[in-house]
Amino acid sequence: LSWVPGQGSGRHDHGPSSGVWTVLEGTLTERTERGTRALEPGTQRVFAPGHVHEVVNDALEPAVSLHVYYPGLTEMP
């Protein structure tokens, strides 16, 4: 996915899917009930079903991330 400065996902989960995502370029911010963390290139996040979060590009430069889900997503609740 590509993220322009200020773009965010909105708060969401991934239904019954587990997944992993990796920041490839730029910096992304992940917000969860446990807090906020800045994610640099090479950082991976692994999650189970029910993980609620929001991802935002709070930086002034674009960012790129790669996401893989299983089972594949048909919608994002």
PDB file of N, CA and C in Angstrom:
ATOM      1  N   LEU A   1       0.845  -1.176   0.000  1.00  0.00           N
ATOM      2  CA  LEU A   1       0.000   0.000   0.000  1.00  0.00           C
ATOM      3  C   LEU A   1       0.887   1.236   0.000  1.00  0.00           C
ATOM      4  N   SER A   2       0.424   2.291  -0.631  1.00  0.00           N
ATOM      5  CA  SER A   2       1.142   3.566  -0.572  1.00  0.00           C
ATOM      6  C   SER A   2       0.340   4.523   0.296  1.00  0.00           C
ATOM      7  N   TRP A   3       1.053   5.338   1.059  1.00  0.00           N
ATOM      8  CA  TRP A   3       0.450   6.254   2.026  1.00  0.00           C
ATOM      9  C   TRP A   3       1.002   7.656   1.779  1.00  0.00           C
ATOM     10  N   VAL A   4       0.155   8.591   1.414  1.00  0.00           N
ATOM     11  CA  VAL A   4       0.591   9.978   1.282  1.00  0.00           C
ATOM     12  C   VAL A   4       0.613  10.607   2.675  1.00  0.00           C
ATOM     13  N   PRO A   5       1.362  11.686   2.867  1.00  0.00           N
ATOM     14  CA  PRO A   5       1.386  12.330   4.173  1.00  0.00           C
ATOM     15  C   PRO A   5      -0.028  12.658   4.657  1.00  0.00           C
ATOM     16  N   GLY A   6      -0.308  12.298   5.900  1.00  0.00           N
ATOM     17  CA  GLY A   6      -1.610  12.560   6.504  1.00  0.00           C
ATOM     18  C   GLY A   6      -2.643  11.476   6.268  1.00  0.00           C
ATOM     19  N   GLN A   7      -2.385  10.547   5.368  1.00  0.00           N
ATOM     20  CA  GLN A   7      -3.353   9.486   5.069  1.00  0.00           C
ATOM     21  C   GLN A   7      -3.363   8.445   6.176  1.00  0.00           C
ATOM     22  N   GLY A   8      -4.560   7.942   6.490  1.00  0.00           N
ATOM     23  CA  GLY A   8      -4.695   6.908   7.507  1.00  0.00           C
ATOM     24  C   GLY A   8      -5.739   5.880   7.133  1.00  0.00           C
ATOM     25  N   SER A   9      -5.719   4.777   7.844  1.00  0.00           N
ATOM     26  CA  SER A   9      -6.636   3.672   7.567  1.00  0.00           C
ATOM     27  C   SER A   9      -7.962   3.806   8.287  1.00  0.00           C
ATOM     28  N   GLY A  10      -8.016   4.636   9.324  1.00  0.00           N
ATOM     29  CA  GLY A  10      -9.164   4.608  10.223  1.00  0.00           C
ATOM     30  C   GLY A  10      -9.026   3.394  11.136  1.00  0.00           C
ATOM     31  N   ARG A  11      -9.681   3.448  12.272  1.00  0.00           N
ATOM     32  CA  ARG A  11      -9.619   2.353  13.248  1.00  0.00           C
ATOM     33  C   ARG A  11     -10.372   1.149  12.677  1.00  0.00           C
ATOM     34  N   HIS A  12      -9.735  -0.035  12.698  1.00  0.00           N
ATOM     35  CA  HIS A  12     -10.352  -1.223  12.105  1.00  0.00           C
ATOM     36  C   HIS A  12      -9.710  -2.499  12.644  1.00  0.00           C
ATOM     37  N   ASP A  13     -10.358  -3.623  12.354  1.00  0.00           N
ATOM     38  CA  ASP A  13      -9.726  -4.926  12.550  1.00  0.00           C
ATOM     39  C   ASP A  13      -9.783  -5.667  11.218  1.00  0.00           C
ATOM     40  N   HIS A  14      -9.387  -6.922  11.211  1.00  0.00           N
ATOM     41  CA  HIS A  14      -9.343  -7.686   9.965  1.00  0.00           C
ATOM     42  C   HIS A  14     -10.228  -8.917  10.037  1.00  0.00           C
ATOM     43  N   GLY A  15     -11.319  -8.798  10.817  1.00  0.00           N
ATOM     44  CA  GLY A  15     -12.270  -9.896  10.915  1.00  0.00           C
ATOM     45  C   GLY A  15     -11.585 -11.173  11.373  1.00  0.00           C
ATOM     46  N   PRO A  16     -11.839 -12.290  10.690  1.00  0.00           N
ATOM     47  CA  PRO A  16     -11.275 -13.580  11.099  1.00  0.00           C
ATOM     48  C   PRO A  16      -9.844 -13.812  10.612  1.00  0.00           C
ATOM     49  N   SER A  17      -9.242 -12.818   9.988  1.00  0.00           N
ATOM     50  CA  SER A  17      -7.915 -13.007   9.390  1.00  0.00           C
ATOM     51  C   SER A  17      -6.783 -12.671  10.352  1.00  0.00           C
ATOM     52  N   SER A  18      -5.708 -13.424  10.240  1.00  0.00           N
ATOM     53  CA  SER A  18      -4.423 -13.094  10.852  1.00  0.00           C
ATOM     54  C   SER A  18      -3.585 -12.443   9.763  1.00  0.00           C
ATOM     55  N   GLY A  19      -2.506 -11.793  10.161  1.00  0.00           N
ATOM     56  CA  GLY A  19      -1.701 -11.172   9.119  1.00  0.00           C
ATOM     57  C   GLY A  19      -0.366 -10.673   9.604  1.00  0.00           C
ATOM     58  N   VAL A  20       0.376 -10.164   8.637  1.00  0.00           N
ATOM     59  CA  VAL A  20       1.662  -9.527   8.891  1.00  0.00           C
ATOM     60  C   VAL A  20       1.784  -8.357   7.925  1.00  0.00           C
ATOM     61  N   TRP A  21       2.358  -7.260   8.399  1.00  0.00           N
ATOM     62  CA  TRP A  21       2.644  -6.152   7.491  1.00  0.00           C
ATOM     63  C   TRP A  21       4.016  -5.588   7.816  1.00  0.00           C
ATOM     64  N   THR A  22       4.634  -5.050   6.791  1.00  0.00           N
ATOM     65  CA  THR A  22       6.003  -4.558   6.869  1.00  0.00           C
ATOM     66  C   THR A  22       6.081  -3.173   6.241  1.00  0.00           C
ATOM     67  N   VAL A  23       6.779  -2.271   6.894  1.00  0.00           N
ATOM     68  CA  VAL A  23       7.036  -0.956   6.314  1.00  0.00           C
ATOM     69  C   VAL A  23       8.223  -1.096   5.360  1.00  0.00           C
ATOM     70  N   LEU A  24       8.020  -0.701   4.111  1.00  0.00           N
ATOM     71  CA  LEU A  24       9.083  -0.788   3.105  1.00  0.00           C
ATOM     72  C   LEU A  24       9.813   0.536   2.921  1.00  0.00           C
ATOM     73  N   GLU A  25       9.073   1.636   2.950  1.00  0.00           N
ATOM     74  CA  GLU A  25       9.653   2.977   2.790  1.00  0.00           C
ATOM     75  C   GLU A  25       8.911   3.947   3.689  1.00  0.00           C
ATOM     76  N   GLY A  26       9.616   4.947   4.191  1.00  0.00           N
ATOM     77  CA  GLY A  26       8.997   5.975   5.007  1.00  0.00           C
ATOM     78  C   GLY A  26       8.755   5.492   6.430  1.00  0.00           C
ATOM     79  N   THR A  27       7.932   6.242   7.147  1.00  0.00           N
ATOM     80  CA  THR A  27       7.591   5.928   8.533  1.00  0.00           C
ATOM     81  C   THR A  27       6.081   5.943   8.679  1.00  0.00           C
ATOM     82  N   LEU A  28       5.534   4.913   9.309  1.00  0.00           N
ATOM     83  CA  LEU A  28       4.105   4.852   9.591  1.00  0.00           C
ATOM     84  C   LEU A  28       3.899   4.791  11.092  1.00  0.00           C
ATOM     85  N   THR A  29       2.770   5.295  11.550  1.00  0.00           N
ATOM     86  CA  THR A  29       2.399   5.254  12.953  1.00  0.00           C
ATOM     87  C   THR A  29       1.255   4.275  13.125  1.00  0.00           C
ATOM     88  N   GLU A  30       1.401   3.349  14.077  1.00  0.00           N
ATOM     89  CA  GLU A  30       0.311   2.431  14.409  1.00  0.00           C
ATOM     90  C   GLU A  30      -0.236   2.809  15.773  1.00  0.00           C
ATOM     91  N   ARG A  31      -1.548   2.954  15.854  1.00  0.00           N
ATOM     92  CA  ARG A  31      -2.223   3.267  17.115  1.00  0.00           C
ATOM     93  C   ARG A  31      -3.096   2.081  17.506  1.00  0.00           C
ATOM     94  N   THR A  32      -2.913   1.588  18.745  1.00  0.00           N
ATOM     95  CA  THR A  32      -3.721   0.499  19.287  1.00  0.00           C
ATOM     96  C   THR A  32      -4.164   0.890  20.685  1.00  0.00           C
ATOM     97  N   GLU A  33      -4.941   0.011  21.314  1.00  0.00           N
ATOM     98  CA  GLU A  33      -5.359   0.274  22.689  1.00  0.00           C
ATOM     99  C   GLU A  33      -4.169   0.277  23.642  1.00  0.00           C
ATOM    100  N   ARG A  34      -3.056  -0.301  23.233  1.00  0.00           N
ATOM    101  CA  ARG A  34      -1.853  -0.356  24.069  1.00  0.00           C
ATOM    102  C   ARG A  34      -0.930   0.833  23.883  1.00  0.00           C
ATOM    103  N   GLY A  35      -1.232   1.689  22.905  1.00  0.00           N
ATOM    104  CA  GLY A  35      -0.392   2.855  22.698  1.00  0.00           C
ATOM    105  C   GLY A  35      -0.104   3.117  21.237  1.00  0.00           C
ATOM    106  N   THR A  36       0.869   3.989  21.023  1.00  0.00           N
ATOM    107  CA  THR A  36       1.238   4.437  19.681  1.00  0.00           C
ATOM    108  C   THR A  36       2.705   4.134  19.451  1.00  0.00           C
ATOM    109  N   ARG A  37       3.020   3.668  18.247  1.00  0.00           N
ATOM    110  CA  ARG A  37       4.424   3.411  17.920  1.00  0.00           C
ATOM    111  C   ARG A  37       4.713   3.844  16.496  1.00  0.00           C
ATOM    112  N   ALA A  38       5.898   4.404  16.290  1.00  0.00           N
ATOM    113  CA  ALA A  38       6.369   4.764  14.953  1.00  0.00           C
ATOM    114  C   ALA A  38       7.098   3.556  14.384  1.00  0.00           C
ATOM    115  N   LEU A  39       6.791   3.221  13.134  1.00  0.00           N
ATOM    116  CA  LEU A  39       7.358   2.045  12.489  1.00  0.00           C
ATOM    117  C   LEU A  39       8.217   2.470  11.306  1.00  0.00           C
ATOM    118  N   GLU A  40       9.485   2.112  11.352  1.00  0.00           N
ATOM    119  CA  GLU A  40      10.471   2.461  10.332  1.00  0.00           C
ATOM    120  C   GLU A  40      10.583   1.341   9.296  1.00  0.00           C
ATOM    121  N   PRO A  41      11.241   1.588   8.171  1.00  0.00           N
ATOM    122  CA  PRO A  41      11.437   0.532   7.175  1.00  0.00           C
ATOM    123  C   PRO A  41      12.078  -0.720   7.785  1.00  0.00           C
ATOM    124  N   GLY A  42      11.533  -1.875   7.414  1.00  0.00           N
ATOM    125  CA  GLY A  42      12.010  -3.147   7.940  1.00  0.00           C
ATOM    126  C   GLY A  42      11.244  -3.633   9.152  1.00  0.00           C
ATOM    127  N   THR A  43      10.456  -2.758   9.771  1.00  0.00           N
ATOM    128  CA  THR A  43       9.664  -3.157  10.927  1.00  0.00           C
ATOM    129  C   THR A  43       8.481  -3.997  10.476  1.00  0.00           C
ATOM    130  N   GLN A  44       8.253  -5.099  11.178  1.00  0.00           N
ATOM    131  CA  GLN A  44       7.108  -5.960  10.882  1.00  0.00           C
ATOM    132  C   GLN A  44       6.161  -5.987  12.062  1.00  0.00           C
ATOM    133  N   ARG A  45       4.886  -6.105  11.751  1.00  0.00           N
ATOM    134  CA  ARG A  45       3.852  -6.290  12.776  1.00  0.00           C
ATOM    135  C   ARG A  45       3.074  -7.539  12.400  1.00  0.00           C
ATOM    136  N   VAL A  46       2.926  -8.442  13.351  1.00  0.00           N
ATOM    137  CA  VAL A  46       2.173  -9.677  13.161  1.00  0.00           C
ATOM    138  C   VAL A  46       0.961  -9.599  14.073  1.00  0.00           C
ATOM    139  N   PHE A  47      -0.210 -10.002  13.567  1.00  0.00           N
ATOM    140  CA  PHE A  47      -1.413  -9.901  14.392  1.00  0.00           C
ATOM    141  C   PHE A  47      -2.348 -11.078  14.173  1.00  0.00           C
ATOM    142  N   ALA A  48      -3.157 -11.334  15.191  1.00  0.00           N
ATOM    143  CA  ALA A  48      -4.163 -12.393  15.179  1.00  0.00           C
ATOM    144  C   ALA A  48      -5.535 -11.779  14.920  1.00  0.00           C
ATOM    145  N   PRO A  49      -6.536 -12.615  14.642  1.00  0.00           N
ATOM    146  CA  PRO A  49      -7.893 -12.093  14.482  1.00  0.00           C
ATOM    147  C   PRO A  49      -8.294 -11.262  15.707  1.00  0.00           C
ATOM    148  N   GLY A  50      -9.032 -10.195  15.465  1.00  0.00           N
ATOM    149  CA  GLY A  50      -9.506  -9.340  16.544  1.00  0.00           C
ATOM    150  C   GLY A  50      -8.594  -8.178  16.882  1.00  0.00           C
ATOM    151  N   HIS A  51      -7.408  -8.107  16.290  1.00  0.00           N
ATOM    152  CA  HIS A  51      -6.481  -6.999  16.552  1.00  0.00           C
ATOM    153  C   HIS A  51      -7.061  -5.719  15.949  1.00  0.00           C
ATOM    154  N   VAL A  52      -7.301  -4.724  16.800  1.00  0.00           N
ATOM    155  CA  VAL A  52      -7.866  -3.444  16.356  1.00  0.00           C
ATOM    156  C   VAL A  52      -6.748  -2.411  16.341  1.00  0.00           C
ATOM    157  N   HIS A  53      -6.623  -1.700  15.225  1.00  0.00           N
ATOM    158  CA  HIS A  53      -5.586  -0.678  15.135  1.00  0.00           C
ATOM    159  C   HIS A  53      -5.951   0.361  14.077  1.00  0.00           C
ATOM    160  N   GLU A  54      -5.125   1.389  14.039  1.00  0.00           N
ATOM    161  CA  GLU A  54      -5.194   2.412  13.001  1.00  0.00           C
ATOM    162  C   GLU A  54      -3.766   2.653  12.537  1.00  0.00           C
ATOM    163  N   VAL A  55      -3.575   2.781  11.244  1.00  0.00           N
ATOM    164  CA  VAL A  55      -2.260   3.079  10.676  1.00  0.00           C
ATOM    165  C   VAL A  55      -2.348   4.436   9.990  1.00  0.00           C
ATOM    166  N   VAL A  56      -1.374   5.308  10.271  1.00  0.00           N
ATOM    167  CA  VAL A  56      -1.385   6.670   9.742  1.00  0.00           C
ATOM    168  C   VAL A  56       0.024   7.044   9.288  1.00  0.00           C
ATOM    169  N   ASN A  57       0.096   7.783   8.197  1.00  0.00           N
ATOM    170  CA  ASN A  57       1.364   8.385   7.799  1.00  0.00           C
ATOM    171  C   ASN A  57       1.394   9.792   8.390  1.00  0.00           C
ATOM    172  N   ASP A  58       2.019   9.920   9.557  1.00  0.00           N
ATOM    173  CA  ASP A  58       2.150  11.217  10.231  1.00  0.00           C
ATOM    174  C   ASP A  58       3.354  12.006   9.725  1.00  0.00           C
ATOM    175  N   ALA A  59       4.136  11.411   8.838  1.00  0.00           N
ATOM    176  CA  ALA A  59       5.356  12.047   8.338  1.00  0.00           C
ATOM    177  C   ALA A  59       5.044  13.022   7.203  1.00  0.00           C
ATOM    178  N   LEU A  60       6.060  13.732   6.767  1.00  0.00           N
ATOM    179  CA  LEU A  60       5.918  14.685   5.664  1.00  0.00           C
ATOM    180  C   LEU A  60       6.269  14.065   4.315  1.00  0.00           C
ATOM    181  N   GLU A  61       6.700  12.804   4.312  1.00  0.00           N
ATOM    182  CA  GLU A  61       7.069  12.088   3.090  1.00  0.00           C
ATOM    183  C   GLU A  61       6.139  10.895   2.893  1.00  0.00           C
ATOM    184  N   PRO A  62       5.951  10.448   1.657  1.00  0.00           N
ATOM    185  CA  PRO A  62       5.138   9.253   1.419  1.00  0.00           C
ATOM    186  C   PRO A  62       5.755   8.017   2.082  1.00  0.00           C
ATOM    187  N   ALA A  63       4.923   6.997   2.286  1.00  0.00           N
ATOM    188  CA  ALA A  63       5.378   5.728   2.856  1.00  0.00           C
ATOM    189  C   ALA A  63       4.776   4.582   2.045  1.00  0.00           C
ATOM    190  N   VAL A  64       5.413   3.419   2.145  1.00  0.00           N
ATOM    191  CA  VAL A  64       4.941   2.221   1.445  1.00  0.00           C
ATOM    192  C   VAL A  64       4.996   1.051   2.423  1.00  0.00           C
ATOM    193  N   SER A  65       3.949   0.226   2.417  1.00  0.00           N
ATOM    194  CA  SER A  65       3.917  -0.963   3.266  1.00  0.00           C
ATOM    195  C   SER A  65       3.377  -2.148   2.476  1.00  0.00           C
ATOM    196  N   LEU A  66       3.737  -3.354   2.933  1.00  0.00           N
ATOM    197  CA  LEU A  66       3.287  -4.594   2.313  1.00  0.00           C
ATOM    198  C   LEU A  66       2.482  -5.369   3.349  1.00  0.00           C
ATOM    199  N   HIS A  67       1.277  -5.837   2.978  1.00  0.00           N
ATOM    200  CA  HIS A  67       0.361  -6.516   3.896  1.00  0.00           C
ATOM    201  C   HIS A  67      -0.024  -7.879   3.340  1.00  0.00           C
ATOM    202  N   VAL A  68      -0.022  -8.896   4.220  1.00  0.00           N
ATOM    203  CA  VAL A  68      -0.442 -10.247   3.847  1.00  0.00           C
ATOM    204  C   VAL A  68      -1.419 -10.738   4.908  1.00  0.00           C
ATOM    205  N   TYR A  69      -2.556 -11.304   4.473  1.00  0.00           N
ATOM    206  CA  TYR A  69      -3.604 -11.769   5.381  1.00  0.00           C
ATOM    207  C   TYR A  69      -3.996 -13.202   5.053  1.00  0.00           C
ATOM    208  N   TYR A  70      -4.347 -13.971   6.111  1.00  0.00           N
ATOM    209  CA  TYR A  70      -4.887 -15.311   5.900  1.00  0.00           C
ATOM    210  C   TYR A  70      -5.970 -15.579   6.929  1.00  0.00           C
ATOM    211  N   PRO A  71      -7.141 -15.992   6.512  1.00  0.00           N
ATOM    212  CA  PRO A  71      -7.551 -16.070   5.109  1.00  0.00           C
ATOM    213  C   PRO A  71      -7.591 -14.684   4.484  1.00  0.00           C
ATOM    214  N   GLY A  72      -7.561 -14.646   3.169  1.00  0.00           N
ATOM    215  CA  GLY A  72      -7.567 -13.368   2.454  1.00  0.00           C
ATOM    216  C   GLY A  72      -8.761 -12.510   2.837  1.00  0.00           C
ATOM    217  N   LEU A  73      -8.584 -11.204   2.791  1.00  0.00           N
ATOM    218  CA  LEU A  73      -9.657 -10.274   3.157  1.00  0.00           C
ATOM    219  C   LEU A  73     -10.689 -10.159   2.047  1.00  0.00           C
ATOM    220  N   THR A  74     -11.943 -10.149   2.442  1.00  0.00           N
ATOM    221  CA  THR A  74     -13.024  -9.822   1.516  1.00  0.00           C
ATOM    222  C   THR A  74     -13.638  -8.487   1.892  1.00  0.00           C
ATOM    223  N   GLU A  75     -13.394  -8.051   3.138  1.00  0.00           N
ATOM    224  CA  GLU A  75     -13.831  -6.741   3.624  1.00  0.00           C
ATOM    225  C   GLU A  75     -13.037  -6.421   4.882  1.00  0.00           C
ATOM    226  N   MET A  76     -13.034  -5.145   5.275  1.00  0.00           N
ATOM    227  CA  MET A  76     -12.402  -4.738   6.528  1.00  0.00           C
ATOM    228  C   MET A  76     -13.488  -4.180   7.426  1.00  0.00           C
ATOM    229  N   PRO A  77     -13.831  -4.931   8.491  1.00  0.00           N
ATOM    230  CA  PRO A  77     -14.890  -4.452   9.407  1.00  0.00           C
ATOM    231  C   PRO A  77     -14.497  -3.169  10.110  1.00  0.00           C
TER     232      PRO A  77
END
